[in-house]
């Protein structure tokens, strides 16, 4: 693996117990320099790693420290607590929680997670303390698989290494996307993002060594 150390300037807490999950994200921003500058700035949210288009892995936060890459807005968290039949009626609209999600708005999510009532159970009660966050640099013109072959290859290698070192048993419930754990905040009229329903979980799960539903 080609790993470059670009440490965050933020003072982050030490991890009090080993991570038990790997959460995959998309940066949204396509400019790598801007992404790195933001994530290494004091006070900024940040993942542990950012994987560039060419597969280079930028290490932002040491794994034995907590990185801030998952958070639930209070209103969204409360809505999840009401159960699937209720929360799937809601969506983010103009930056606000709105009860206007059409039927099938979360079809890709429900197909991937049949029987799951509350997405928050995936990330756990203290998401940032329980996970390693990996961001993939977004493309200006996304491929059919959203990211490059080099990014998928690097993600597979990095995730496999993390799971081996931290004794994480790879599965769909231990290696998943931010959009899996927070579909309300990570969906719009074009579908899921971060990394979203088009993310190639087949390649990742096959490479890391687990079965995964890829809606």
N, C-alpha and C. Protein backbone atom coordinates (compact mmCIF):
# COMPACT_ATOMS: atom_id res chain seq x y z
N UNK A 1 0.84 -1.20 0.00
CA UNK A 1 0.00 0.00 0.00
C UNK A 1 0.87 1.25 0.00
N UNK A 2 0.40 2.24 -0.73
CA UNK A 2 1.11 3.53 -0.76
C UNK A 2 0.39 4.48 0.18
N UNK A 3 0.92 4.64 1.41
CA UNK A 3 0.29 5.46 2.43
C UNK A 3 1.15 6.69 2.71
N UNK A 4 0.52 7.86 2.63
CA UNK A 4 1.18 9.13 2.93
C UNK A 4 0.60 9.67 4.22
N UNK A 5 1.46 10.05 5.15
CA UNK A 5 1.02 10.56 6.44
C UNK A 5 0.81 12.08 6.34
N UNK A 6 -0.45 12.50 6.45
CA UNK A 6 -0.78 13.94 6.43
C UNK A 6 -1.64 14.24 7.65
N UNK A 7 -1.05 14.24 8.80
CA UNK A 7 -1.78 14.29 10.07
C UNK A 7 -2.66 15.52 10.23
N UNK A 8 -3.81 15.30 10.85
CA UNK A 8 -4.71 16.39 11.19
C UNK A 8 -4.10 17.24 12.28
N UNK A 9 -4.33 18.56 12.21
CA UNK A 9 -3.85 19.47 13.24
C UNK A 9 -4.78 19.48 14.45
N UNK A 10 -5.89 18.81 14.32
CA UNK A 10 -6.86 18.78 15.41
C UNK A 10 -6.37 17.86 16.53
N UNK A 11 -6.59 18.26 17.79
CA UNK A 11 -6.27 17.42 18.93
C UNK A 11 -7.44 16.46 19.15
N UNK A 12 -7.19 15.18 18.93
CA UNK A 12 -8.26 14.18 18.98
C UNK A 12 -8.03 13.22 20.14
N UNK A 13 -9.11 12.70 20.72
CA UNK A 13 -8.96 11.79 21.87
C UNK A 13 -8.39 10.44 21.47
N UNK A 14 -7.69 9.83 22.41
CA UNK A 14 -7.22 8.47 22.20
C UNK A 14 -8.42 7.53 22.21
N UNK A 15 -8.33 6.48 21.42
CA UNK A 15 -9.40 5.49 21.39
C UNK A 15 -9.33 4.66 22.67
N UNK A 16 -10.45 4.52 23.35
CA UNK A 16 -10.46 3.80 24.63
C UNK A 16 -10.63 2.30 24.46
N UNK A 17 -11.06 1.87 23.27
CA UNK A 17 -11.15 0.44 22.98
C UNK A 17 -11.06 0.27 21.48
N UNK A 18 -10.69 -0.93 21.01
CA UNK A 18 -10.45 -1.12 19.57
C UNK A 18 -11.69 -0.87 18.73
N UNK A 19 -11.47 -0.40 17.52
CA UNK A 19 -12.58 -0.21 16.58
C UNK A 19 -13.14 -1.57 16.18
N UNK A 20 -14.44 -1.60 15.91
CA UNK A 20 -15.10 -2.85 15.53
C UNK A 20 -15.81 -2.75 14.18
N UNK A 21 -15.66 -1.59 13.51
CA UNK A 21 -16.32 -1.36 12.24
C UNK A 21 -15.42 -0.52 11.33
N UNK A 22 -15.62 -0.66 10.02
CA UNK A 22 -15.00 0.19 9.03
C UNK A 22 -16.13 0.87 8.25
N UNK A 23 -16.14 2.20 8.23
CA UNK A 23 -17.22 2.94 7.56
C UNK A 23 -16.64 3.68 6.37
N UNK A 24 -17.22 3.44 5.19
CA UNK A 24 -16.74 4.00 3.93
C UNK A 24 -17.54 5.24 3.57
N UNK A 25 -16.85 6.27 3.09
CA UNK A 25 -17.47 7.54 2.72
C UNK A 25 -17.00 7.98 1.33
N UNK A 26 -17.72 8.97 0.79
CA UNK A 26 -17.28 9.72 -0.38
C UNK A 26 -17.03 11.15 0.05
N UNK A 27 -15.95 11.76 -0.46
CA UNK A 27 -15.62 13.12 -0.03
C UNK A 27 -16.63 14.16 -0.50
N UNK A 28 -17.31 13.92 -1.61
CA UNK A 28 -18.17 14.96 -2.17
C UNK A 28 -17.33 15.95 -2.96
N UNK A 29 -16.40 16.62 -2.31
CA UNK A 29 -15.45 17.52 -2.97
C UNK A 29 -14.50 16.70 -3.84
N UNK A 30 -14.23 17.19 -5.06
CA UNK A 30 -13.39 16.43 -6.00
C UNK A 30 -11.92 16.83 -5.97
N UNK A 31 -11.59 18.01 -5.44
CA UNK A 31 -10.22 18.49 -5.42
C UNK A 31 -9.48 17.92 -4.20
N UNK A 32 -8.47 17.08 -4.45
CA UNK A 32 -7.79 16.39 -3.35
C UNK A 32 -7.10 17.36 -2.40
N UNK A 33 -6.44 18.39 -2.95
CA UNK A 33 -5.74 19.36 -2.10
C UNK A 33 -6.72 20.05 -1.16
N UNK A 34 -7.89 20.40 -1.67
CA UNK A 34 -8.90 21.05 -0.84
C UNK A 34 -9.43 20.10 0.23
N UNK A 35 -9.60 18.84 -0.15
CA UNK A 35 -10.07 17.83 0.80
C UNK A 35 -9.07 17.67 1.94
N UNK A 36 -7.79 17.49 1.60
CA UNK A 36 -6.76 17.30 2.61
C UNK A 36 -6.64 18.53 3.50
N UNK A 37 -6.67 19.71 2.89
CA UNK A 37 -6.57 20.95 3.67
C UNK A 37 -7.70 21.05 4.69
N UNK A 38 -8.90 20.71 4.26
CA UNK A 38 -10.04 20.78 5.16
C UNK A 38 -9.92 19.77 6.30
N UNK A 39 -9.64 18.52 5.95
CA UNK A 39 -9.61 17.46 6.96
C UNK A 39 -8.45 17.60 7.95
N UNK A 40 -7.41 18.31 7.57
CA UNK A 40 -6.28 18.49 8.48
C UNK A 40 -6.32 19.82 9.22
N UNK A 41 -7.40 20.57 9.05
CA UNK A 41 -7.54 21.86 9.72
C UNK A 41 -8.06 21.68 11.15
N UNK A 42 -7.63 22.52 12.08
CA UNK A 42 -8.14 22.44 13.45
C UNK A 42 -9.66 22.62 13.48
N UNK A 43 -10.33 21.78 14.21
CA UNK A 43 -11.77 21.91 14.38
C UNK A 43 -12.61 21.26 13.29
N UNK A 44 -11.97 20.73 12.24
CA UNK A 44 -12.73 20.13 11.14
C UNK A 44 -13.10 18.68 11.44
N UNK A 45 -14.21 18.23 10.86
CA UNK A 45 -14.50 16.80 10.88
C UNK A 45 -13.42 16.11 10.06
N UNK A 46 -13.21 14.83 10.29
CA UNK A 46 -12.14 14.15 9.57
C UNK A 46 -12.28 12.64 9.67
N UNK A 47 -11.83 11.92 8.63
CA UNK A 47 -11.77 10.47 8.68
C UNK A 47 -10.36 10.05 9.10
N UNK A 48 -10.13 8.76 9.16
CA UNK A 48 -8.77 8.27 9.39
C UNK A 48 -7.96 8.28 8.09
N UNK A 49 -8.62 7.98 6.97
CA UNK A 49 -7.92 7.87 5.69
C UNK A 49 -8.73 8.52 4.58
N UNK A 50 -8.00 9.01 3.55
CA UNK A 50 -8.60 9.46 2.30
C UNK A 50 -7.88 8.75 1.16
N UNK A 51 -8.62 8.08 0.30
CA UNK A 51 -8.03 7.37 -0.84
C UNK A 51 -8.21 8.20 -2.10
N UNK A 52 -7.09 8.59 -2.72
CA UNK A 52 -7.11 9.43 -3.91
C UNK A 52 -7.46 8.62 -5.16
N UNK A 53 -7.70 9.33 -6.27
CA UNK A 53 -8.07 8.68 -7.53
C UNK A 53 -7.07 7.62 -7.96
N UNK A 54 -5.77 7.86 -7.71
CA UNK A 54 -4.74 6.92 -8.15
C UNK A 54 -4.48 5.79 -7.15
N UNK A 55 -5.27 5.75 -6.09
CA UNK A 55 -5.13 4.70 -5.09
C UNK A 55 -4.21 5.05 -3.94
N UNK A 56 -3.59 6.23 -3.97
CA UNK A 56 -2.76 6.66 -2.85
C UNK A 56 -3.63 6.86 -1.62
N UNK A 57 -3.16 6.35 -0.48
CA UNK A 57 -3.90 6.44 0.78
C UNK A 57 -3.29 7.54 1.64
N UNK A 58 -4.08 8.56 1.92
CA UNK A 58 -3.64 9.66 2.77
C UNK A 58 -4.12 9.40 4.20
N UNK A 59 -3.18 9.28 5.11
CA UNK A 59 -3.52 9.00 6.51
C UNK A 59 -3.71 10.32 7.25
N UNK A 60 -4.93 10.56 7.70
CA UNK A 60 -5.27 11.82 8.35
C UNK A 60 -5.18 11.71 9.87
N UNK A 61 -5.68 10.61 10.40
CA UNK A 61 -5.73 10.39 11.85
C UNK A 61 -5.21 8.99 12.16
N UNK A 62 -4.34 8.84 13.16
CA UNK A 62 -3.89 7.50 13.55
C UNK A 62 -5.09 6.64 14.00
N UNK A 63 -5.02 5.36 13.75
CA UNK A 63 -6.14 4.49 14.09
C UNK A 63 -6.41 4.41 15.59
N UNK A 64 -5.39 4.68 16.41
CA UNK A 64 -5.60 4.61 17.86
C UNK A 64 -6.19 5.90 18.42
N UNK A 65 -6.56 6.82 17.52
CA UNK A 65 -7.27 8.04 17.91
C UNK A 65 -8.67 8.05 17.28
N UNK A 66 -9.56 8.76 17.91
CA UNK A 66 -10.93 8.90 17.41
C UNK A 66 -10.96 9.95 16.32
N UNK A 67 -11.58 9.63 15.18
CA UNK A 67 -11.79 10.60 14.11
C UNK A 67 -13.28 10.90 14.02
N UNK A 68 -13.62 12.15 13.73
CA UNK A 68 -15.03 12.56 13.71
C UNK A 68 -15.57 12.48 12.27
N UNK A 69 -16.16 11.36 11.93
CA UNK A 69 -16.63 11.15 10.55
C UNK A 69 -18.09 10.71 10.47
N UNK A 70 -18.73 10.46 11.60
CA UNK A 70 -20.15 10.06 11.62
C UNK A 70 -20.84 10.82 12.75
N UNK A 71 -21.97 11.45 12.44
CA UNK A 71 -22.75 12.13 13.46
C UNK A 71 -24.21 12.16 13.01
N UNK A 72 -25.11 12.06 13.97
CA UNK A 72 -26.55 12.10 13.67
C UNK A 72 -27.15 13.40 14.18
N UNK A 73 -27.84 14.11 13.30
CA UNK A 73 -28.59 15.28 13.74
C UNK A 73 -29.66 14.81 14.72
N UNK A 74 -29.91 15.56 15.80
CA UNK A 74 -30.88 15.12 16.81
C UNK A 74 -32.26 14.75 16.24
N UNK A 75 -32.76 15.58 15.31
CA UNK A 75 -34.07 15.29 14.73
C UNK A 75 -34.08 14.02 13.91
N UNK A 76 -33.00 13.77 13.18
CA UNK A 76 -32.89 12.56 12.38
C UNK A 76 -32.79 11.34 13.29
N UNK A 77 -31.99 11.43 14.34
CA UNK A 77 -31.84 10.32 15.28
C UNK A 77 -33.19 9.98 15.92
N UNK A 78 -33.94 10.99 16.32
CA UNK A 78 -35.25 10.76 16.92
C UNK A 78 -36.20 10.10 15.93
N UNK A 79 -36.10 10.48 14.67
CA UNK A 79 -36.97 9.89 13.64
C UNK A 79 -36.63 8.43 13.42
N UNK A 80 -35.34 8.08 13.39
CA UNK A 80 -34.96 6.67 13.28
C UNK A 80 -35.54 5.86 14.43
N UNK A 81 -35.60 6.46 15.61
CA UNK A 81 -36.09 5.75 16.79
C UNK A 81 -37.55 5.38 16.71
N UNK A 82 -38.28 5.94 15.75
CA UNK A 82 -39.71 5.63 15.59
C UNK A 82 -39.96 4.40 14.73
N UNK A 83 -38.87 3.83 14.16
CA UNK A 83 -39.01 2.62 13.37
C UNK A 83 -39.09 2.87 11.88
N UNK A 84 -38.85 1.82 11.11
CA UNK A 84 -38.76 1.91 9.66
C UNK A 84 -40.00 2.50 9.00
N UNK A 85 -41.17 2.03 9.39
CA UNK A 85 -42.38 2.49 8.73
C UNK A 85 -42.57 4.00 8.84
N UNK A 86 -42.07 4.58 9.93
CA UNK A 86 -42.19 6.02 10.11
C UNK A 86 -41.02 6.76 9.48
N UNK A 87 -39.77 6.34 9.76
CA UNK A 87 -38.65 7.17 9.28
C UNK A 87 -38.54 7.19 7.77
N UNK A 88 -39.01 6.12 7.07
CA UNK A 88 -38.86 6.13 5.62
C UNK A 88 -39.82 7.10 4.93
N UNK A 89 -40.67 7.77 5.70
CA UNK A 89 -41.54 8.82 5.16
C UNK A 89 -40.85 10.18 5.15
N UNK A 90 -39.67 10.23 5.78
CA UNK A 90 -38.97 11.50 5.94
C UNK A 90 -37.74 11.58 5.06
N UNK A 91 -37.37 12.81 4.69
CA UNK A 91 -36.16 13.04 3.92
C UNK A 91 -35.63 14.43 4.26
N UNK A 92 -34.41 14.70 3.84
CA UNK A 92 -33.86 16.03 3.98
C UNK A 92 -34.26 16.85 2.75
N UNK A 93 -34.84 18.01 2.97
CA UNK A 93 -35.27 18.89 1.88
C UNK A 93 -34.89 20.32 2.25
N UNK A 94 -34.10 20.95 1.38
CA UNK A 94 -33.63 22.32 1.63
C UNK A 94 -32.95 22.43 2.99
N UNK A 95 -32.22 21.37 3.35
CA UNK A 95 -31.46 21.38 4.60
C UNK A 95 -32.26 21.07 5.84
N UNK A 96 -33.54 20.74 5.67
CA UNK A 96 -34.39 20.46 6.82
C UNK A 96 -35.07 19.10 6.69
N UNK A 97 -35.37 18.50 7.83
CA UNK A 97 -36.09 17.23 7.85
C UNK A 97 -37.53 17.48 7.44
N UNK A 98 -38.00 16.73 6.44
CA UNK A 98 -39.31 16.99 5.86
C UNK A 98 -40.04 15.67 5.61
N UNK A 99 -41.30 15.60 5.99
CA UNK A 99 -42.09 14.38 5.82
C UNK A 99 -42.67 14.34 4.42
N UNK A 100 -41.80 14.15 3.43
CA UNK A 100 -42.24 14.19 2.04
C UNK A 100 -41.55 13.14 1.16
N UNK A 101 -40.96 12.14 1.79
CA UNK A 101 -40.29 11.09 1.00
C UNK A 101 -41.35 10.25 0.28
N UNK A 102 -41.21 10.16 -1.03
CA UNK A 102 -42.17 9.38 -1.81
C UNK A 102 -42.00 7.88 -1.52
N UNK A 103 -43.00 7.10 -1.89
CA UNK A 103 -42.91 5.65 -1.72
C UNK A 103 -41.74 5.13 -2.56
N UNK A 104 -40.91 4.30 -1.98
CA UNK A 104 -39.75 3.76 -2.69
C UNK A 104 -38.51 4.63 -2.63
N UNK A 105 -38.59 5.76 -1.91
CA UNK A 105 -37.45 6.68 -1.81
C UNK A 105 -36.22 5.97 -1.25
N UNK A 106 -36.44 5.04 -0.34
CA UNK A 106 -35.34 4.30 0.27
C UNK A 106 -35.31 2.84 -0.18
N UNK A 107 -35.80 2.57 -1.37
CA UNK A 107 -35.90 1.20 -1.86
C UNK A 107 -34.54 0.50 -1.91
N UNK A 108 -33.52 1.20 -2.34
CA UNK A 108 -32.19 0.60 -2.41
C UNK A 108 -31.69 0.24 -1.02
N UNK A 109 -31.96 1.11 -0.06
CA UNK A 109 -31.53 0.84 1.31
C UNK A 109 -32.26 -0.35 1.90
N UNK A 110 -33.60 -0.40 1.75
CA UNK A 110 -34.36 -1.50 2.33
C UNK A 110 -34.03 -2.83 1.66
N UNK A 111 -33.67 -2.80 0.38
CA UNK A 111 -33.26 -4.03 -0.30
C UNK A 111 -31.92 -4.54 0.24
N UNK A 112 -31.06 -3.61 0.59
CA UNK A 112 -29.74 -3.98 1.11
C UNK A 112 -29.82 -4.41 2.58
N UNK A 113 -30.80 -3.86 3.32
CA UNK A 113 -30.91 -4.13 4.75
C UNK A 113 -32.31 -4.63 5.13
N UNK A 114 -32.75 -5.75 4.58
CA UNK A 114 -34.09 -6.25 4.90
C UNK A 114 -34.23 -6.56 6.40
N UNK A 115 -35.33 -6.07 6.97
CA UNK A 115 -35.61 -6.36 8.37
C UNK A 115 -34.96 -5.42 9.36
N UNK A 116 -34.09 -4.52 8.90
CA UNK A 116 -33.43 -3.60 9.81
C UNK A 116 -34.33 -2.38 10.06
N UNK A 117 -34.67 -2.15 11.31
CA UNK A 117 -35.56 -1.06 11.66
C UNK A 117 -34.85 0.27 11.83
N UNK A 118 -33.70 0.24 12.51
CA UNK A 118 -33.01 1.47 12.87
C UNK A 118 -31.58 1.45 12.33
N UNK A 119 -31.26 2.28 11.34
CA UNK A 119 -29.92 2.29 10.74
C UNK A 119 -28.81 2.59 11.74
N UNK A 120 -29.13 3.28 12.82
CA UNK A 120 -28.11 3.65 13.80
C UNK A 120 -27.46 2.44 14.46
N UNK A 121 -28.16 1.31 14.46
CA UNK A 121 -27.59 0.11 15.08
C UNK A 121 -26.33 -0.35 14.35
N UNK A 122 -26.18 0.02 13.08
CA UNK A 122 -24.99 -0.37 12.32
C UNK A 122 -23.75 0.31 12.87
N UNK A 123 -23.83 1.60 13.10
CA UNK A 123 -22.67 2.37 13.56
C UNK A 123 -22.43 2.24 15.05
N UNK A 124 -23.45 1.79 15.81
CA UNK A 124 -23.29 1.60 17.23
C UNK A 124 -23.60 2.85 18.03
N UNK A 125 -23.65 2.73 19.36
CA UNK A 125 -24.02 3.86 20.21
C UNK A 125 -23.01 4.99 20.23
N UNK A 126 -21.75 4.70 19.95
CA UNK A 126 -20.71 5.74 19.88
C UNK A 126 -19.95 5.55 18.57
N UNK A 127 -20.55 5.97 17.46
CA UNK A 127 -20.01 5.65 16.13
C UNK A 127 -18.54 5.97 15.92
N UNK A 128 -18.11 7.15 16.31
CA UNK A 128 -16.73 7.54 16.05
C UNK A 128 -15.72 6.80 16.93
N UNK A 129 -16.17 6.41 18.11
CA UNK A 129 -15.30 5.65 19.01
C UNK A 129 -15.22 4.17 18.59
N UNK A 130 -16.17 3.73 17.77
CA UNK A 130 -16.27 2.31 17.44
C UNK A 130 -15.86 1.98 16.02
N UNK A 131 -15.33 2.98 15.28
CA UNK A 131 -15.11 2.73 13.85
C UNK A 131 -13.85 3.39 13.31
N UNK A 132 -13.42 2.90 12.16
CA UNK A 132 -12.38 3.51 11.33
C UNK A 132 -13.09 4.12 10.12
N UNK A 133 -12.82 5.38 9.84
CA UNK A 133 -13.46 6.06 8.71
C UNK A 133 -12.53 6.18 7.52
N UNK A 134 -13.02 5.75 6.36
CA UNK A 134 -12.24 5.82 5.12
C UNK A 134 -13.03 6.60 4.08
N UNK A 135 -12.48 7.71 3.61
CA UNK A 135 -13.10 8.52 2.56
C UNK A 135 -12.44 8.22 1.21
N UNK A 136 -13.25 8.17 0.16
CA UNK A 136 -12.75 8.04 -1.20
C UNK A 136 -12.96 9.36 -1.93
N UNK A 137 -11.89 9.87 -2.53
CA UNK A 137 -11.98 11.13 -3.26
C UNK A 137 -12.98 11.01 -4.40
N UNK A 138 -13.96 11.90 -4.43
CA UNK A 138 -14.98 11.86 -5.47
C UNK A 138 -14.40 12.26 -6.82
N UNK A 139 -15.01 11.76 -7.89
CA UNK A 139 -14.61 12.08 -9.25
C UNK A 139 -15.48 13.20 -9.80
N UNK A 140 -14.91 14.06 -10.63
CA UNK A 140 -15.71 15.09 -11.29
C UNK A 140 -16.73 14.46 -12.23
N UNK A 141 -16.31 13.38 -12.90
CA UNK A 141 -17.22 12.63 -13.77
C UNK A 141 -17.22 11.19 -13.28
N UNK A 142 -18.11 10.86 -12.33
CA UNK A 142 -18.10 9.53 -11.73
C UNK A 142 -18.27 8.41 -12.76
N UNK A 143 -17.57 7.31 -12.54
CA UNK A 143 -17.71 6.13 -13.39
C UNK A 143 -19.01 5.43 -13.03
N UNK A 144 -19.33 4.38 -13.75
CA UNK A 144 -20.53 3.60 -13.44
C UNK A 144 -20.44 3.04 -12.02
N UNK A 145 -19.21 2.80 -11.57
CA UNK A 145 -18.98 2.27 -10.23
C UNK A 145 -18.61 3.39 -9.25
N UNK A 146 -18.80 4.63 -9.65
CA UNK A 146 -18.59 5.85 -8.86
C UNK A 146 -17.12 6.21 -8.70
N UNK A 147 -16.26 5.22 -8.40
CA UNK A 147 -14.85 5.48 -8.14
C UNK A 147 -13.95 4.72 -9.12
N UNK A 148 -12.65 4.95 -9.03
CA UNK A 148 -11.71 4.31 -9.95
C UNK A 148 -11.35 2.90 -9.49
N UNK A 149 -10.84 2.11 -10.44
CA UNK A 149 -10.37 0.76 -10.10
C UNK A 149 -9.27 0.82 -9.04
N UNK A 150 -8.40 1.83 -9.15
CA UNK A 150 -7.30 1.98 -8.20
C UNK A 150 -7.82 2.26 -6.79
N UNK A 151 -8.89 3.03 -6.70
CA UNK A 151 -9.46 3.33 -5.40
C UNK A 151 -10.07 2.07 -4.77
N UNK A 152 -10.78 1.29 -5.58
CA UNK A 152 -11.36 0.06 -5.05
C UNK A 152 -10.26 -0.91 -4.60
N UNK A 153 -9.20 -1.01 -5.39
CA UNK A 153 -8.10 -1.91 -5.03
C UNK A 153 -7.45 -1.47 -3.71
N UNK A 154 -7.23 -0.16 -3.57
CA UNK A 154 -6.62 0.35 -2.34
C UNK A 154 -7.55 0.15 -1.15
N UNK A 155 -8.85 0.36 -1.36
CA UNK A 155 -9.82 0.18 -0.28
C UNK A 155 -9.84 -1.26 0.19
N UNK A 156 -9.82 -2.19 -0.75
CA UNK A 156 -9.81 -3.62 -0.40
C UNK A 156 -8.56 -3.95 0.41
N UNK A 157 -7.41 -3.48 -0.04
CA UNK A 157 -6.16 -3.80 0.65
C UNK A 157 -6.13 -3.17 2.04
N UNK A 158 -6.53 -1.91 2.13
CA UNK A 158 -6.52 -1.21 3.41
C UNK A 158 -7.52 -1.83 4.39
N UNK A 159 -8.73 -2.09 3.92
CA UNK A 159 -9.76 -2.67 4.79
C UNK A 159 -9.36 -4.06 5.27
N UNK A 160 -8.80 -4.86 4.38
CA UNK A 160 -8.35 -6.20 4.76
C UNK A 160 -7.28 -6.11 5.85
N UNK A 161 -6.37 -5.16 5.68
CA UNK A 161 -5.29 -4.98 6.65
C UNK A 161 -5.84 -4.52 8.00
N UNK A 162 -6.77 -3.57 7.98
CA UNK A 162 -7.38 -3.08 9.22
C UNK A 162 -8.09 -4.21 9.95
N UNK A 163 -8.90 -4.96 9.22
CA UNK A 163 -9.65 -6.05 9.84
C UNK A 163 -8.72 -7.09 10.46
N UNK A 164 -7.64 -7.39 9.77
CA UNK A 164 -6.69 -8.38 10.29
C UNK A 164 -6.01 -7.86 11.55
N UNK A 165 -5.53 -6.62 11.51
CA UNK A 165 -4.80 -6.08 12.65
C UNK A 165 -5.68 -5.83 13.86
N UNK A 166 -6.93 -5.42 13.64
CA UNK A 166 -7.83 -5.07 14.74
C UNK A 166 -8.79 -6.20 15.10
N UNK A 167 -8.59 -7.36 14.48
CA UNK A 167 -9.42 -8.55 14.75
C UNK A 167 -10.91 -8.27 14.51
N UNK A 168 -11.19 -7.55 13.43
CA UNK A 168 -12.56 -7.32 13.00
C UNK A 168 -12.95 -8.41 12.02
N UNK A 169 -14.01 -9.13 12.30
CA UNK A 169 -14.48 -10.17 11.37
C UNK A 169 -15.25 -9.48 10.25
N UNK A 170 -14.74 -9.52 9.01
CA UNK A 170 -15.40 -8.80 7.91
C UNK A 170 -16.81 -9.33 7.64
N UNK A 171 -17.75 -8.43 7.54
CA UNK A 171 -19.12 -8.79 7.20
C UNK A 171 -19.83 -7.52 6.74
N UNK A 172 -21.05 -7.66 6.24
CA UNK A 172 -21.80 -6.49 5.82
C UNK A 172 -22.10 -5.56 7.00
N UNK A 173 -22.13 -6.11 8.19
CA UNK A 173 -22.41 -5.31 9.39
C UNK A 173 -21.16 -4.71 10.03
N UNK A 174 -19.98 -5.08 9.55
CA UNK A 174 -18.76 -4.48 10.10
C UNK A 174 -18.01 -3.64 9.06
N UNK A 175 -18.38 -3.79 7.79
CA UNK A 175 -17.79 -2.99 6.71
C UNK A 175 -18.95 -2.46 5.86
N UNK A 176 -19.26 -1.18 5.98
CA UNK A 176 -20.43 -0.63 5.31
C UNK A 176 -20.21 0.86 5.05
N UNK A 177 -21.19 1.48 4.41
CA UNK A 177 -21.07 2.90 4.05
C UNK A 177 -21.80 3.82 5.01
N UNK A 178 -21.41 5.08 4.99
CA UNK A 178 -22.11 6.10 5.79
C UNK A 178 -23.58 6.16 5.37
N UNK A 179 -23.84 5.97 4.08
CA UNK A 179 -25.22 5.99 3.59
C UNK A 179 -26.04 4.82 4.12
N UNK A 180 -25.38 3.74 4.53
CA UNK A 180 -26.09 2.62 5.15
C UNK A 180 -26.53 2.99 6.56
N UNK A 181 -25.65 3.68 7.29
CA UNK A 181 -25.90 4.00 8.69
C UNK A 181 -26.76 5.25 8.88
N UNK A 182 -26.88 6.08 7.85
CA UNK A 182 -27.66 7.33 7.97
C UNK A 182 -28.31 7.67 6.63
N UNK A 183 -29.25 6.83 6.17
CA UNK A 183 -29.84 7.04 4.85
C UNK A 183 -30.63 8.34 4.70
N UNK A 184 -31.25 8.84 5.76
CA UNK A 184 -31.99 10.10 5.64
C UNK A 184 -31.05 11.24 5.26
N UNK A 185 -29.94 11.34 5.97
CA UNK A 185 -28.99 12.43 5.72
C UNK A 185 -28.16 12.21 4.48
N UNK A 186 -28.13 10.98 3.98
CA UNK A 186 -27.26 10.66 2.85
C UNK A 186 -28.06 10.19 1.63
N UNK A 187 -29.23 10.80 1.43
CA UNK A 187 -30.07 10.51 0.26
C UNK A 187 -30.63 11.81 -0.29
N UNK A 188 -30.86 11.82 -1.60
CA UNK A 188 -31.55 12.94 -2.24
C UNK A 188 -32.38 12.39 -3.39
N UNK A 189 -32.95 13.25 -4.21
CA UNK A 189 -33.83 12.78 -5.28
C UNK A 189 -33.11 11.95 -6.33
N UNK A 190 -31.78 12.01 -6.36
CA UNK A 190 -31.00 11.19 -7.30
C UNK A 190 -30.60 9.86 -6.69
N UNK A 191 -30.93 9.67 -5.41
CA UNK A 191 -30.60 8.42 -4.74
C UNK A 191 -29.63 8.62 -3.59
N UNK A 192 -29.07 7.52 -3.13
CA UNK A 192 -28.13 7.59 -2.02
C UNK A 192 -26.75 8.05 -2.47
N UNK A 193 -26.02 8.65 -1.54
CA UNK A 193 -24.64 9.03 -1.78
C UNK A 193 -23.85 8.80 -0.48
N UNK A 194 -22.57 8.86 -0.57
CA UNK A 194 -21.68 8.71 0.60
C UNK A 194 -21.64 7.29 1.15
N UNK A 195 -21.22 6.27 0.43
CA UNK A 195 -20.90 6.30 -1.00
C UNK A 195 -22.10 6.04 -1.90
N UNK A 196 -23.22 5.51 -1.35
CA UNK A 196 -24.44 5.38 -2.13
C UNK A 196 -24.72 4.01 -2.70
N UNK A 197 -25.90 3.91 -3.33
CA UNK A 197 -26.39 2.62 -3.83
C UNK A 197 -25.60 2.09 -5.02
N UNK A 198 -24.91 2.96 -5.75
CA UNK A 198 -24.14 2.51 -6.91
C UNK A 198 -22.73 2.04 -6.55
N UNK A 199 -22.36 2.19 -5.30
CA UNK A 199 -21.04 1.75 -4.86
C UNK A 199 -20.89 0.25 -5.10
N UNK A 200 -19.72 -0.17 -5.56
CA UNK A 200 -19.49 -1.57 -5.93
C UNK A 200 -19.10 -2.41 -4.70
N UNK A 201 -20.10 -2.75 -3.92
CA UNK A 201 -19.84 -3.58 -2.74
C UNK A 201 -19.43 -5.00 -3.12
N UNK A 202 -19.83 -5.45 -4.31
CA UNK A 202 -19.43 -6.81 -4.73
C UNK A 202 -17.91 -6.92 -4.79
N UNK A 203 -17.28 -5.94 -5.42
CA UNK A 203 -15.82 -5.95 -5.52
C UNK A 203 -15.17 -5.87 -4.14
N UNK A 204 -15.69 -5.00 -3.29
CA UNK A 204 -15.10 -4.82 -1.96
C UNK A 204 -15.30 -6.06 -1.11
N UNK A 205 -16.51 -6.58 -1.08
CA UNK A 205 -16.78 -7.75 -0.22
C UNK A 205 -16.01 -8.98 -0.71
N UNK A 206 -15.93 -9.15 -2.03
CA UNK A 206 -15.18 -10.29 -2.55
C UNK A 206 -13.71 -10.17 -2.24
N UNK A 207 -13.19 -8.96 -2.31
CA UNK A 207 -11.76 -8.74 -2.03
C UNK A 207 -11.42 -8.87 -0.57
N UNK A 208 -12.31 -8.38 0.29
CA UNK A 208 -12.04 -8.43 1.73
C UNK A 208 -12.41 -9.79 2.32
N UNK A 209 -13.43 -10.43 1.71
CA UNK A 209 -13.78 -11.77 2.12
C UNK A 209 -15.06 -11.88 2.93
N UNK A 210 -16.17 -11.32 2.39
CA UNK A 210 -17.46 -11.48 3.04
C UNK A 210 -18.57 -11.32 2.01
N UNK A 211 -19.78 -11.73 2.37
CA UNK A 211 -20.92 -11.60 1.47
C UNK A 211 -21.62 -10.28 1.74
N UNK A 212 -22.10 -9.62 0.68
CA UNK A 212 -22.73 -8.32 0.84
C UNK A 212 -23.84 -8.16 -0.19
N UNK A 213 -24.99 -7.67 0.27
CA UNK A 213 -26.08 -7.35 -0.64
C UNK A 213 -25.71 -6.05 -1.36
N UNK A 214 -25.83 -6.04 -2.67
CA UNK A 214 -25.49 -4.85 -3.45
C UNK A 214 -26.71 -4.46 -4.24
N UNK A 215 -27.56 -3.64 -3.61
CA UNK A 215 -28.85 -3.30 -4.24
C UNK A 215 -28.64 -2.59 -5.57
